[in-house]
Amino acid sequence: MARRRFFVCIAILMLVAVALGFGKSFYLRPVFNSKPLPGYLLLHGITMTAWFLLFLAQSMLVSARRVDLHRKLGVAGLFLAAGVVVTGVVVNLNVIPRMLEIGQISRAKEGVEFALSSISGLFPFAVLVLLAVALRRNTGVHKRLMFWSFVWVLGPAFTNTRPLGQFLDPLVAPYLPFFPADFIWLLGLAIYDWKTERRIHPATYVTFALLLCFFLFATPWITGSETLQGWLLAYVESHQ
């Protein structure tokens, strides 16, 4: 029973991380900031919240052995995942003007790499979800791919511009440049693997390794591309 509830507990922890990371800027914004969010940011926040709530709902259905409902809800999950990608692209196409507006940067060029990094990060997310759906009959692979799809989009909750990141980063600052949230999720999944299968499932470490390679090698290449930088700057200027 405890093994079946592992993903339920993980889903709850992720929702807590989202609430702590975006509490002031989104969920409790009227309390801390009288300026309302633009509509596209509000829609993105609602979509992301629904995405993590979906993880909890799906995990609870599997724990309750309601696989039939889990599969039906998975169809709606595909549309929700598409919403995560679409709203994510819209948010990051508008992130540079917003950063200029709030004084986070002084020139549009200063925000280009950040915007390109965020947009490119949606690609692994989409691949993970599509692969998870394609391999849904292999439950071991399916649930681990979905696990990583949720972890991958949880990163912004731990950045040093968010309350959660501001609290956690100093705890490891003498040793690491950032709080290693992804490694904690990896450790949790690896422990689950060992307890349930007496081995680390290949979908656990292979997926993590591929995501790490994307972050270390693909992301710098994308953000450093003068062609993509020029395209994004031209888009920003044409929509100002």
Protein backbone atom coordinates (compact mmCIF):
# COMPACT_ATOMS: atom_id res chain seq x y z
CA MET A 1 0.00 0.00 0.00
CA ALA A 2 2.80 2.41 0.92
CA ARG A 3 4.49 1.69 -2.42
CA ARG A 4 1.33 2.58 -4.34
CA ARG A 5 1.17 5.89 -2.50
CA PHE A 6 4.70 6.98 -3.39
CA PHE A 7 3.58 9.01 -6.40
CA VAL A 8 0.67 10.46 -4.41
CA CYS A 9 3.16 11.78 -1.84
CA ILE A 10 5.45 13.08 -4.58
CA ALA A 11 2.53 14.88 -6.24
CA ILE A 12 1.63 16.53 -2.93
CA LEU A 13 5.25 17.61 -2.40
CA MET A 14 5.31 19.14 -5.89
CA LEU A 15 2.11 21.05 -5.20
CA VAL A 16 3.63 22.35 -1.97
CA ALA A 17 6.73 23.45 -3.90
CA VAL A 18 4.55 25.23 -6.46
CA ALA A 19 2.54 26.94 -3.72
CA LEU A 20 5.67 28.09 -1.88
CA GLY A 21 7.47 29.14 -5.04
CA PHE A 22 4.59 31.11 -6.56
CA GLY A 23 2.54 31.99 -3.48
CA LYS A 24 3.41 35.68 -3.40
CA SER A 25 3.53 36.27 -7.14
CA PHE A 26 0.46 34.27 -8.14
CA TYR A 27 -1.77 32.54 -5.57
CA LEU A 28 -1.64 35.34 -2.97
CA ARG A 29 -0.80 38.14 -5.35
CA PRO A 30 -3.64 40.48 -4.22
CA VAL A 31 -2.16 40.37 -0.71
CA PHE A 32 1.40 41.25 -1.75
CA ASN A 33 0.94 43.17 -5.00
CA SER A 34 -1.99 45.33 -6.00
CA LYS A 35 -1.02 45.26 -9.68
CA PRO A 36 -2.93 42.48 -11.49
CA LEU A 37 -1.16 39.99 -13.70
CA PRO A 38 -1.57 40.17 -17.48
CA GLY A 39 -4.13 37.74 -18.83
CA TYR A 40 -1.59 35.46 -20.50
CA LEU A 41 0.31 35.02 -17.21
CA LEU A 42 -2.90 34.31 -15.35
CA LEU A 43 -3.87 31.67 -17.91
CA HIS A 44 -0.42 30.09 -17.74
CA GLY A 45 -0.54 29.96 -13.95
CA ILE A 46 -3.95 28.30 -14.01
CA THR A 47 -2.78 25.80 -16.63
CA MET A 48 0.35 24.89 -14.67
CA THR A 49 -1.65 24.52 -11.46
CA ALA A 50 -4.07 22.20 -13.25
CA TRP A 51 -1.12 20.22 -14.61
CA PHE A 52 0.24 19.47 -11.13
CA LEU A 53 -3.25 18.77 -9.80
CA LEU A 54 -3.60 16.27 -12.63
CA PHE A 55 -0.52 14.46 -11.35
CA LEU A 56 -2.10 14.17 -7.91
CA ALA A 57 -5.44 12.99 -9.33
CA GLN A 58 -3.80 10.40 -11.59
CA SER A 59 -1.58 9.12 -8.78
CA MET A 60 -4.57 8.79 -6.44
CA LEU A 61 -6.54 6.88 -9.07
CA VAL A 62 -3.71 4.39 -9.55
CA SER A 63 -3.28 4.05 -5.79
CA ALA A 64 -7.02 3.30 -5.55
CA ARG A 65 -6.67 0.78 -8.41
CA ARG A 66 -8.99 2.83 -10.65
CA VAL A 67 -6.81 2.38 -13.71
CA ASP A 68 -9.86 2.70 -15.95
CA LEU A 69 -10.49 6.25 -14.79
CA HIS A 70 -6.75 6.96 -14.87
CA ARG A 71 -6.68 6.14 -18.58
CA LYS A 72 -9.75 8.24 -19.34
CA LEU A 73 -8.34 11.23 -17.49
CA GLY A 74 -5.09 10.74 -19.38
CA VAL A 75 -6.84 11.85 -22.58
CA ALA A 76 -7.68 15.19 -20.95
CA GLY A 77 -4.09 15.30 -19.72
CA LEU A 78 -2.85 15.40 -23.29
CA PHE A 79 -4.81 18.58 -23.96
CA LEU A 80 -3.58 20.04 -20.69
CA ALA A 81 0.04 19.24 -21.61
CA ALA A 82 -0.51 21.01 -24.94
CA GLY A 83 -1.82 23.97 -22.95
CA VAL A 84 1.36 23.98 -20.86
CA VAL A 85 3.45 24.21 -24.02
CA VAL A 86 1.32 26.86 -25.75
CA THR A 87 0.95 29.13 -22.72
CA GLY A 88 4.63 28.59 -21.91
CA VAL A 89 5.66 29.80 -25.34
CA VAL A 90 3.40 32.85 -25.06
CA VAL A 91 4.78 33.72 -21.62
CA ASN A 92 8.37 33.50 -22.76
CA LEU A 93 7.78 35.45 -25.95
CA ASN A 94 6.54 38.23 -23.69
CA VAL A 95 9.07 37.81 -20.89
CA ILE A 96 11.57 40.36 -22.23
CA PRO A 97 9.07 43.26 -22.40
CA ARG A 98 7.87 42.31 -18.93
CA MET A 99 11.42 42.20 -17.53
CA LEU A 100 11.98 45.66 -19.01
CA GLU A 101 8.72 46.89 -17.53
CA ILE A 102 9.53 45.81 -13.97
CA GLY A 103 13.13 46.96 -14.21
CA GLN A 104 14.71 43.52 -14.06
CA ILE A 105 16.78 44.32 -17.15
CA SER A 106 17.71 47.62 -18.81
CA ARG A 107 18.03 46.39 -22.41
CA ALA A 108 16.09 43.79 -24.37
CA LYS A 109 19.29 41.95 -25.28
CA GLU A 110 19.94 41.16 -21.61
CA GLY A 111 16.87 38.93 -21.44
CA VAL A 112 17.32 37.05 -24.71
CA GLU A 113 19.25 34.07 -23.34
CA PHE A 114 16.79 33.62 -20.48
CA ALA A 115 13.82 33.66 -22.86
CA LEU A 116 15.43 31.24 -25.32
CA SER A 117 16.39 28.90 -22.48
CA SER A 118 12.83 28.83 -21.18
CA ILE A 119 11.30 28.29 -24.62
CA SER A 120 13.73 25.50 -25.50
CA GLY A 121 12.94 23.79 -22.19
CA LEU A 122 9.41 23.12 -23.42
CA PHE A 123 10.77 20.71 -26.05
CA PRO A 124 11.96 17.99 -23.62
CA PHE A 125 8.70 18.36 -21.72
CA ALA A 126 6.65 17.69 -24.86
CA VAL A 127 8.86 14.73 -25.81
CA LEU A 128 8.53 13.19 -22.34
CA VAL A 129 4.74 13.43 -22.39
CA LEU A 130 4.45 12.04 -25.92
CA LEU A 131 6.80 9.16 -25.14
CA ALA A 132 4.90 8.41 -21.94
CA VAL A 133 1.66 8.21 -23.91
CA ALA A 134 3.22 6.07 -26.64
CA LEU A 135 4.64 3.67 -24.01
CA ARG A 136 1.60 3.72 -21.73
CA ARG A 137 1.26 -0.09 -21.86
CA ASN A 138 4.68 -0.36 -20.24
CA THR A 139 3.59 0.98 -16.88
CA GLY A 140 7.10 1.05 -15.41
CA VAL A 141 8.42 3.30 -18.15
CA HIS A 142 5.20 5.30 -18.49
CA LYS A 143 4.98 6.45 -14.88
CA ARG A 144 8.68 7.35 -14.72
CA LEU A 145 8.53 9.40 -17.91
CA MET A 146 5.50 11.23 -16.56
CA PHE A 147 7.33 11.76 -13.27
CA TRP A 148 10.19 13.48 -15.09
CA SER A 149 7.80 15.57 -17.17
CA PHE A 150 6.46 17.07 -13.94
CA VAL A 151 9.91 17.52 -12.42
CA TRP A 152 11.16 19.25 -15.57
CA VAL A 153 8.60 22.06 -15.41
CA LEU A 154 8.90 22.45 -11.64
CA GLY A 155 12.31 24.13 -11.86
CA PRO A 156 11.04 27.75 -11.90
CA ALA A 157 9.65 27.27 -8.38
CA PHE A 158 13.23 26.84 -7.12
CA THR A 159 14.92 29.79 -8.88
CA ASN A 160 16.60 32.40 -6.70
CA THR A 161 14.01 34.98 -7.76
CA ARG A 162 11.28 32.98 -6.00
CA PRO A 163 10.71 32.82 -2.22
CA LEU A 164 11.42 29.10 -2.12
CA GLY A 165 14.71 29.50 -3.97
CA GLN A 166 15.71 32.51 -1.87
CA PHE A 167 15.27 30.39 1.25
CA LEU A 168 16.97 27.23 -0.03
CA ASP A 169 19.89 28.64 -2.04
CA PRO A 170 21.80 30.03 1.00
CA LEU A 171 21.67 26.59 2.63
CA VAL A 172 23.99 25.17 -0.03
CA ALA A 173 25.70 28.37 -1.22
CA PRO A 174 29.08 27.49 0.37
CA TYR A 175 29.11 24.18 -1.50
CA LEU A 176 26.95 24.47 -4.63
CA PRO A 177 25.89 27.38 -6.89
CA PHE A 178 22.20 26.44 -6.62
CA PHE A 179 19.80 24.25 -4.69
CA PRO A 180 19.93 20.80 -6.38
CA ALA A 181 16.19 20.18 -6.49
CA ASP A 182 16.34 17.79 -9.46
CA PHE A 183 18.82 15.55 -7.66
CA ILE A 184 16.45 15.28 -4.70
CA TRP A 185 13.63 14.09 -6.98
CA LEU A 186 16.10 11.66 -8.58
CA LEU A 187 17.08 10.30 -5.18
CA GLY A 188 13.43 9.84 -4.21
CA LEU A 189 12.63 7.94 -7.40
CA ALA A 190 15.79 5.82 -7.09
CA ILE A 191 14.82 4.82 -3.54
CA TYR A 192 11.34 3.91 -4.77
CA ASP A 193 12.90 1.82 -7.56
CA TRP A 194 15.14 -0.04 -5.15
CA LYS A 195 12.35 -0.79 -2.71
CA THR A 196 9.94 -1.98 -5.39
CA GLU A 197 12.29 -3.68 -7.89
CA ARG A 198 15.62 -4.07 -6.07
CA ARG A 199 17.28 -2.11 -8.88
CA ILE A 200 17.29 1.38 -10.34
CA HIS A 201 14.90 1.33 -13.28
CA PRO A 202 16.55 2.35 -16.59
CA ALA A 203 13.79 4.91 -17.24
CA THR A 204 14.85 6.64 -14.02
CA TYR A 205 18.54 7.20 -14.73
CA VAL A 206 18.49 7.25 -18.55
CA THR A 207 15.81 9.95 -18.62
CA PHE A 208 17.64 11.98 -15.99
CA ALA A 209 20.92 11.65 -17.92
CA LEU A 210 19.28 12.79 -21.17
CA LEU A 211 17.66 15.78 -19.47
CA LEU A 212 20.99 16.67 -17.89
CA CYS A 213 22.71 16.49 -21.28
CA PHE A 214 20.04 18.73 -22.77
CA PHE A 215 20.56 21.25 -19.98
CA LEU A 216 24.37 21.16 -20.18
CA PHE A 217 24.85 21.03 -23.94
CA ALA A 218 21.70 21.78 -25.95
CA THR A 219 20.52 24.74 -23.88
CA PRO A 220 23.81 26.70 -24.13
CA TRP A 221 23.90 26.06 -27.88
CA ILE A 222 20.34 27.30 -28.29
CA THR A 223 20.73 30.36 -26.08
CA GLY A 224 24.03 31.26 -27.75
CA SER A 225 22.68 31.03 -31.30
CA GLU A 226 22.95 34.46 -32.91
CA THR A 227 20.23 33.48 -35.38
CA LEU A 228 17.74 32.65 -32.65
CA GLN A 229 18.75 35.68 -30.62
CA GLY A 230 18.23 37.93 -33.65
CA TRP A 231 14.85 36.36 -34.36
CA LEU A 232 13.66 36.83 -30.78
CA LEU A 233 14.88 40.44 -30.61
CA ALA A 234 13.16 41.19 -33.92
CA TYR A 235 9.95 39.67 -32.56
CA VAL A 236 10.13 41.73 -29.38
CA GLU A 237 10.79 44.95 -31.29
CA SER A 238 7.95 44.29 -33.72
CA HIS A 239 5.48 43.81 -30.86
CA GLN A 240 6.45 46.80 -28.75
